[in-house]
Amino acid sequence: MANKTMNSSDKQVVVGFVKKMIIYSSFISLVFFLIGAALKQFDFALGVIIGETGVIIGLISIITTKDRYFKFGKGYFRTGYFLRYALYSSLFLLAAVVSNDPAEGILGVFAGLMSLKIVVFLFAWRWKL
């Protein structure tokens, strides 16, 4: 495993990129939230907020935590990757527990998490690093 370190200008570029992704993702989640609130699906709207919070925490953890690798069988196990996906799955559980309609809350979390994927698909591949 090669241990690459980034210089300060590279870190600034990455932080700027992540800030853009958070802003765009928050805007898309706001649209989902407003649609849920307009349709009086408040558990969905709450799920969108929970999902977007998870997106923000996940993106910040990508740039702030240093992955550790553990040998697992023939491959390596990345702790940061595992912890982010454990966070995302716990958000689904949280929405199911706090919502009056668990399916609606889970769909809201899914929409909130997918807002980041929508940003990557529509915008981020065009941004210059």
N, C-alpha and C. Protein backbone atom coordinates (compact mmCIF):
# COMPACT_ATOMS: atom_id res chain seq x y z
N MET A 1 0.83 -1.17 0.00
CA MET A 1 0.00 0.00 0.00
C MET A 1 0.88 1.24 0.00
N ALA A 2 0.77 2.02 -1.02
CA ALA A 2 1.54 3.25 -1.10
C ALA A 2 0.86 4.31 -0.24
N ASN A 3 1.62 4.98 0.57
CA ASN A 3 1.08 6.01 1.44
C ASN A 3 1.36 7.36 0.79
N LYS A 4 0.37 7.93 0.15
CA LYS A 4 0.53 9.21 -0.53
C LYS A 4 0.04 10.31 0.39
N THR A 5 0.81 11.36 0.48
CA THR A 5 0.39 12.52 1.26
C THR A 5 0.12 13.67 0.31
N MET A 6 -0.85 14.47 0.66
CA MET A 6 -1.22 15.60 -0.18
C MET A 6 -0.58 16.86 0.38
N ASN A 7 -0.16 17.76 -0.53
CA ASN A 7 0.35 19.03 -0.05
C ASN A 7 -0.83 19.96 0.22
N SER A 8 -0.55 21.13 0.76
CA SER A 8 -1.64 22.02 1.21
C SER A 8 -2.50 22.53 0.06
N SER A 9 -1.92 22.75 -1.11
CA SER A 9 -2.73 23.22 -2.24
C SER A 9 -3.69 22.13 -2.73
N ASP A 10 -3.24 20.87 -2.70
CA ASP A 10 -4.12 19.77 -3.07
C ASP A 10 -5.26 19.63 -2.07
N LYS A 11 -4.95 19.80 -0.78
CA LYS A 11 -5.99 19.72 0.24
C LYS A 11 -7.03 20.82 0.06
N GLN A 12 -6.58 22.02 -0.29
CA GLN A 12 -7.51 23.12 -0.52
C GLN A 12 -8.43 22.84 -1.69
N VAL A 13 -7.89 22.23 -2.74
CA VAL A 13 -8.70 21.89 -3.90
C VAL A 13 -9.75 20.85 -3.52
N VAL A 14 -9.35 19.83 -2.77
CA VAL A 14 -10.28 18.78 -2.35
C VAL A 14 -11.35 19.35 -1.43
N VAL A 15 -10.96 20.19 -0.48
CA VAL A 15 -11.93 20.79 0.44
C VAL A 15 -12.91 21.66 -0.33
N GLY A 16 -12.43 22.42 -1.30
CA GLY A 16 -13.32 23.23 -2.13
C GLY A 16 -14.29 22.37 -2.93
N PHE A 17 -13.80 21.26 -3.45
CA PHE A 17 -14.65 20.33 -4.20
C PHE A 17 -15.73 19.74 -3.31
N VAL A 18 -15.35 19.34 -2.09
CA VAL A 18 -16.32 18.76 -1.15
C VAL A 18 -17.34 19.82 -0.73
N LYS A 19 -16.91 21.06 -0.53
CA LYS A 19 -17.86 22.12 -0.20
C LYS A 19 -18.89 22.31 -1.31
N LYS A 20 -18.42 22.29 -2.56
CA LYS A 20 -19.35 22.40 -3.69
C LYS A 20 -20.34 21.26 -3.69
N MET A 21 -19.85 20.05 -3.45
CA MET A 21 -20.73 18.89 -3.45
C MET A 21 -21.76 18.98 -2.33
N ILE A 22 -21.36 19.46 -1.17
CA ILE A 22 -22.30 19.61 -0.06
C ILE A 22 -23.36 20.66 -0.39
N ILE A 23 -22.96 21.77 -0.98
CA ILE A 23 -23.92 22.83 -1.32
C ILE A 23 -24.92 22.33 -2.35
N TYR A 24 -24.44 21.70 -3.41
CA TYR A 24 -25.34 21.21 -4.46
C TYR A 24 -26.23 20.09 -3.92
N SER A 25 -25.67 19.21 -3.12
CA SER A 25 -26.45 18.12 -2.55
C SER A 25 -27.51 18.65 -1.60
N SER A 26 -27.17 19.66 -0.83
CA SER A 26 -28.15 20.26 0.08
C SER A 26 -29.29 20.90 -0.70
N PHE A 27 -28.98 21.51 -1.82
CA PHE A 27 -30.03 22.11 -2.65
C PHE A 27 -30.98 21.04 -3.19
N ILE A 28 -30.43 19.94 -3.67
CA ILE A 28 -31.28 18.86 -4.19
C ILE A 28 -32.11 18.24 -3.07
N SER A 29 -31.51 18.08 -1.89
CA SER A 29 -32.26 17.56 -0.75
C SER A 29 -33.35 18.53 -0.31
N LEU A 30 -33.08 19.83 -0.42
CA LEU A 30 -34.11 20.81 -0.11
C LEU A 30 -35.31 20.66 -1.04
N VAL A 31 -35.03 20.39 -2.31
CA VAL A 31 -36.13 20.16 -3.26
C VAL A 31 -36.93 18.92 -2.85
N PHE A 32 -36.23 17.83 -2.50
CA PHE A 32 -36.92 16.63 -2.04
C PHE A 32 -37.74 16.91 -0.78
N PHE A 33 -37.15 17.67 0.14
CA PHE A 33 -37.84 18.01 1.38
C PHE A 33 -39.11 18.80 1.10
N LEU A 34 -39.00 19.80 0.23
CA LEU A 34 -40.16 20.62 -0.09
C LEU A 34 -41.25 19.82 -0.79
N ILE A 35 -40.86 18.90 -1.64
CA ILE A 35 -41.85 18.03 -2.30
C ILE A 35 -42.56 17.17 -1.25
N GLY A 36 -41.80 16.60 -0.33
CA GLY A 36 -42.40 15.80 0.74
C GLY A 36 -43.32 16.62 1.62
N ALA A 37 -42.90 17.84 1.97
CA ALA A 37 -43.73 18.70 2.81
C ALA A 37 -44.98 19.15 2.06
N ALA A 38 -44.86 19.45 0.77
CA ALA A 38 -46.02 19.88 -0.02
C ALA A 38 -47.04 18.76 -0.16
N LEU A 39 -46.56 17.53 -0.22
CA LEU A 39 -47.47 16.38 -0.33
C LEU A 39 -47.91 15.86 1.03
N LYS A 40 -47.52 16.58 2.09
CA LYS A 40 -47.85 16.22 3.47
C LYS A 40 -47.34 14.83 3.86
N GLN A 41 -46.18 14.50 3.34
CA GLN A 41 -45.49 13.26 3.69
C GLN A 41 -44.33 13.64 4.62
N PHE A 42 -44.66 13.94 5.87
CA PHE A 42 -43.68 14.51 6.78
C PHE A 42 -42.62 13.50 7.22
N ASP A 43 -42.96 12.23 7.24
CA ASP A 43 -41.94 11.22 7.55
C ASP A 43 -40.90 11.14 6.43
N PHE A 44 -41.34 11.30 5.19
CA PHE A 44 -40.43 11.34 4.05
C PHE A 44 -39.51 12.56 4.18
N ALA A 45 -40.10 13.72 4.50
CA ALA A 45 -39.31 14.95 4.64
C ALA A 45 -38.28 14.82 5.76
N LEU A 46 -38.68 14.21 6.87
CA LEU A 46 -37.74 13.98 7.97
C LEU A 46 -36.62 13.03 7.53
N GLY A 47 -36.97 12.01 6.77
CA GLY A 47 -35.97 11.08 6.25
C GLY A 47 -34.97 11.77 5.33
N VAL A 48 -35.45 12.72 4.54
CA VAL A 48 -34.54 13.47 3.65
C VAL A 48 -33.53 14.26 4.48
N ILE A 49 -33.99 14.87 5.56
CA ILE A 49 -33.07 15.61 6.44
C ILE A 49 -32.05 14.67 7.05
N ILE A 50 -32.50 13.51 7.50
CA ILE A 50 -31.58 12.53 8.09
C ILE A 50 -30.57 12.06 7.03
N GLY A 51 -31.03 11.79 5.82
CA GLY A 51 -30.14 11.34 4.75
C GLY A 51 -29.12 12.40 4.36
N GLU A 52 -29.55 13.65 4.26
CA GLU A 52 -28.62 14.72 3.90
C GLU A 52 -27.59 14.95 5.00
N THR A 53 -28.00 14.82 6.25
CA THR A 53 -27.05 14.92 7.35
C THR A 53 -26.00 13.82 7.23
N GLY A 54 -26.43 12.63 6.87
CA GLY A 54 -25.49 11.52 6.65
C GLY A 54 -24.54 11.80 5.50
N VAL A 55 -25.03 12.42 4.44
CA VAL A 55 -24.17 12.77 3.30
C VAL A 55 -23.09 13.75 3.75
N ILE A 56 -23.48 14.76 4.51
CA ILE A 56 -22.52 15.76 4.96
C ILE A 56 -21.47 15.13 5.88
N ILE A 57 -21.92 14.31 6.83
CA ILE A 57 -20.98 13.64 7.73
C ILE A 57 -20.06 12.70 6.94
N GLY A 58 -20.62 11.98 5.97
CA GLY A 58 -19.81 11.06 5.17
C GLY A 58 -18.76 11.77 4.34
N LEU A 59 -19.14 12.90 3.71
CA LEU A 59 -18.17 13.64 2.91
C LEU A 59 -17.07 14.24 3.77
N ILE A 60 -17.45 14.76 4.92
CA ILE A 60 -16.43 15.33 5.81
C ILE A 60 -15.51 14.22 6.32
N SER A 61 -16.07 13.04 6.59
CA SER A 61 -15.22 11.96 7.08
C SER A 61 -14.26 11.46 6.00
N ILE A 62 -14.65 11.58 4.74
CA ILE A 62 -13.75 11.16 3.67
C ILE A 62 -12.47 11.99 3.68
N ILE A 63 -12.61 13.30 3.90
CA ILE A 63 -11.42 14.15 3.83
C ILE A 63 -10.69 14.31 5.15
N THR A 64 -11.34 13.96 6.27
CA THR A 64 -10.68 14.17 7.56
C THR A 64 -10.09 12.91 8.18
N THR A 65 -10.65 11.76 7.86
CA THR A 65 -10.13 10.54 8.48
C THR A 65 -9.12 9.87 7.58
N LYS A 66 -8.18 9.26 8.21
CA LYS A 66 -7.17 8.52 7.47
C LYS A 66 -7.55 7.05 7.53
N ASP A 67 -7.68 6.44 6.36
CA ASP A 67 -8.04 5.03 6.32
C ASP A 67 -6.92 4.17 6.87
N ARG A 68 -7.32 3.19 7.61
CA ARG A 68 -6.38 2.17 8.07
C ARG A 68 -6.74 0.89 7.35
N TYR A 69 -5.74 0.12 7.05
CA TYR A 69 -5.94 -1.13 6.33
C TYR A 69 -5.60 -2.29 7.25
N PHE A 70 -6.50 -3.26 7.29
CA PHE A 70 -6.24 -4.49 8.03
C PHE A 70 -6.28 -5.64 7.05
N LYS A 71 -5.37 -6.57 7.21
CA LYS A 71 -5.38 -7.74 6.35
C LYS A 71 -6.58 -8.60 6.72
N PHE A 72 -7.37 -8.93 5.72
CA PHE A 72 -8.59 -9.71 5.93
C PHE A 72 -8.62 -10.79 4.86
N GLY A 73 -8.20 -11.98 5.22
CA GLY A 73 -8.11 -13.05 4.23
C GLY A 73 -7.00 -12.74 3.25
N LYS A 74 -7.34 -12.74 1.96
CA LYS A 74 -6.34 -12.43 0.93
C LYS A 74 -6.30 -10.94 0.59
N GLY A 75 -7.26 -10.18 1.08
CA GLY A 75 -7.33 -8.77 0.74
C GLY A 75 -7.13 -7.88 1.94
N TYR A 76 -7.43 -6.62 1.74
CA TYR A 76 -7.30 -5.64 2.80
C TYR A 76 -8.66 -5.05 3.10
N PHE A 77 -8.85 -4.66 4.33
CA PHE A 77 -10.11 -4.14 4.84
C PHE A 77 -9.88 -2.67 5.20
N ARG A 78 -10.64 -1.76 4.56
CA ARG A 78 -10.51 -0.32 4.83
C ARG A 78 -11.50 0.08 5.92
N THR A 79 -10.98 0.60 7.02
CA THR A 79 -11.85 0.94 8.14
C THR A 79 -12.73 2.14 7.84
N GLY A 80 -12.22 3.18 7.18
CA GLY A 80 -13.01 4.36 6.89
C GLY A 80 -14.20 4.05 6.01
N TYR A 81 -13.98 3.22 5.01
CA TYR A 81 -15.05 2.81 4.10
C TYR A 81 -16.12 2.05 4.86
N PHE A 82 -15.71 1.13 5.70
CA PHE A 82 -16.66 0.35 6.48
C PHE A 82 -17.45 1.23 7.44
N LEU A 83 -16.79 2.15 8.11
CA LEU A 83 -17.48 3.01 9.08
C LEU A 83 -18.48 3.94 8.41
N ARG A 84 -18.16 4.45 7.21
CA ARG A 84 -19.12 5.29 6.49
C ARG A 84 -20.37 4.51 6.12
N TYR A 85 -20.20 3.30 5.64
CA TYR A 85 -21.37 2.52 5.26
C TYR A 85 -22.14 2.01 6.48
N ALA A 86 -21.48 1.84 7.60
CA ALA A 86 -22.19 1.54 8.84
C ALA A 86 -23.01 2.74 9.27
N LEU A 87 -22.48 3.95 9.07
CA LEU A 87 -23.23 5.17 9.35
C LEU A 87 -24.47 5.24 8.47
N TYR A 88 -24.30 5.01 7.17
CA TYR A 88 -25.43 5.09 6.24
C TYR A 88 -26.52 4.08 6.60
N SER A 89 -26.12 2.86 6.96
CA SER A 89 -27.13 1.86 7.31
C SER A 89 -27.81 2.19 8.63
N SER A 90 -27.08 2.80 9.55
CA SER A 90 -27.70 3.20 10.82
C SER A 90 -28.71 4.33 10.61
N LEU A 91 -28.51 5.13 9.56
CA LEU A 91 -29.49 6.18 9.27
C LEU A 91 -30.82 5.59 8.83
N PHE A 92 -30.77 4.52 8.07
CA PHE A 92 -32.01 3.84 7.68
C PHE A 92 -32.72 3.30 8.93
N LEU A 93 -31.98 2.72 9.84
CA LEU A 93 -32.56 2.22 11.08
C LEU A 93 -33.14 3.36 11.91
N LEU A 94 -32.43 4.46 12.01
CA LEU A 94 -32.92 5.62 12.75
C LEU A 94 -34.23 6.12 12.17
N ALA A 95 -34.31 6.24 10.85
CA ALA A 95 -35.55 6.71 10.21
C ALA A 95 -36.69 5.74 10.46
N ALA A 96 -36.41 4.45 10.45
CA ALA A 96 -37.46 3.46 10.70
C ALA A 96 -37.97 3.55 12.13
N VAL A 97 -37.09 3.89 13.05
CA VAL A 97 -37.48 3.95 14.46
C VAL A 97 -38.25 5.24 14.78
N VAL A 98 -37.81 6.38 14.25
CA VAL A 98 -38.42 7.65 14.64
C VAL A 98 -39.63 8.02 13.80
N SER A 99 -39.86 7.36 12.68
CA SER A 99 -40.97 7.71 11.79
C SER A 99 -42.25 6.98 12.21
N ASN A 100 -43.37 7.65 11.97
CA ASN A 100 -44.66 7.00 12.17
C ASN A 100 -44.90 5.95 11.09
N ASP A 101 -44.44 6.24 9.89
CA ASP A 101 -44.51 5.29 8.78
C ASP A 101 -43.07 4.94 8.39
N PRO A 102 -42.54 3.81 8.86
CA PRO A 102 -41.13 3.48 8.62
C PRO A 102 -40.75 3.42 7.15
N ALA A 103 -41.62 2.91 6.29
CA ALA A 103 -41.28 2.82 4.87
C ALA A 103 -41.09 4.20 4.27
N GLU A 104 -41.93 5.13 4.66
CA GLU A 104 -41.83 6.50 4.16
C GLU A 104 -40.53 7.16 4.64
N GLY A 105 -40.18 6.94 5.89
CA GLY A 105 -38.93 7.49 6.43
C GLY A 105 -37.71 6.90 5.75
N ILE A 106 -37.75 5.60 5.49
CA ILE A 106 -36.63 4.94 4.82
C ILE A 106 -36.48 5.47 3.40
N LEU A 107 -37.59 5.68 2.71
CA LEU A 107 -37.52 6.25 1.36
C LEU A 107 -36.97 7.67 1.38
N GLY A 108 -37.30 8.42 2.43
CA GLY A 108 -36.75 9.76 2.57
C GLY A 108 -35.24 9.74 2.77
N VAL A 109 -34.77 8.82 3.61
CA VAL A 109 -33.32 8.69 3.81
C VAL A 109 -32.65 8.30 2.49
N PHE A 110 -33.27 7.39 1.77
CA PHE A 110 -32.72 6.99 0.47
C PHE A 110 -32.63 8.19 -0.47
N ALA A 111 -33.68 9.01 -0.52
CA ALA A 111 -33.66 10.20 -1.37
C ALA A 111 -32.58 11.17 -0.93
N GLY A 112 -32.41 11.35 0.38
CA GLY A 112 -31.37 12.23 0.89
C GLY A 112 -29.98 11.74 0.55
N LEU A 113 -29.76 10.44 0.67
CA LEU A 113 -28.45 9.88 0.31
C LEU A 113 -28.21 9.92 -1.20
N MET A 114 -29.25 9.74 -1.96
CA MET A 114 -29.12 9.76 -3.42
C MET A 114 -28.87 11.16 -3.97
N SER A 115 -29.14 12.17 -3.17
CA SER A 115 -28.88 13.54 -3.64
C SER A 115 -27.40 13.72 -3.99
N LEU A 116 -26.53 13.08 -3.24
CA LEU A 116 -25.10 13.16 -3.55
C LEU A 116 -24.80 12.46 -4.88
N LYS A 117 -25.42 11.33 -5.12
CA LYS A 117 -25.19 10.62 -6.38
C LYS A 117 -25.72 11.43 -7.56
N ILE A 118 -26.83 12.13 -7.34
CA ILE A 118 -27.38 12.99 -8.40
C ILE A 118 -26.41 14.12 -8.71
N VAL A 119 -25.82 14.71 -7.68
CA VAL A 119 -24.84 15.78 -7.88
C VAL A 119 -23.64 15.26 -8.67
N VAL A 120 -23.14 14.11 -8.30
CA VAL A 120 -21.99 13.54 -9.00
C VAL A 120 -22.33 13.28 -10.46
N PHE A 121 -23.51 12.74 -10.71
CA PHE A 121 -23.92 12.42 -12.07
C PHE A 121 -24.14 13.68 -12.91
N LEU A 122 -24.78 14.69 -12.34
CA LEU A 122 -25.14 15.86 -13.13
C LEU A 122 -24.05 16.92 -13.21
N PHE A 123 -23.31 17.12 -12.12
CA PHE A 123 -22.42 18.27 -12.07
C PHE A 123 -20.96 17.96 -11.85
N ALA A 124 -20.66 17.12 -10.89
CA ALA A 124 -19.30 17.00 -10.38
C ALA A 124 -18.30 16.50 -11.43
N TRP A 125 -18.73 15.70 -12.37
CA TRP A 125 -17.78 15.20 -13.35
C TRP A 125 -17.32 16.32 -14.28
N ARG A 126 -18.04 17.43 -14.30
CA ARG A 126 -17.66 18.56 -15.15
C ARG A 126 -16.71 19.52 -14.45
N TRP A 127 -16.67 19.47 -13.12
CA TRP A 127 -15.84 20.40 -12.38
C TRP A 127 -14.39 20.04 -12.56
N LYS A 128 -13.58 21.05 -12.72
CA LYS A 128 -12.13 20.84 -12.89
C LYS A 128 -11.48 20.82 -11.53
N LEU A 129 -10.61 19.86 -11.34
CA LEU A 129 -9.85 19.78 -10.08
C LEU A 129 -8.48 20.37 -10.28
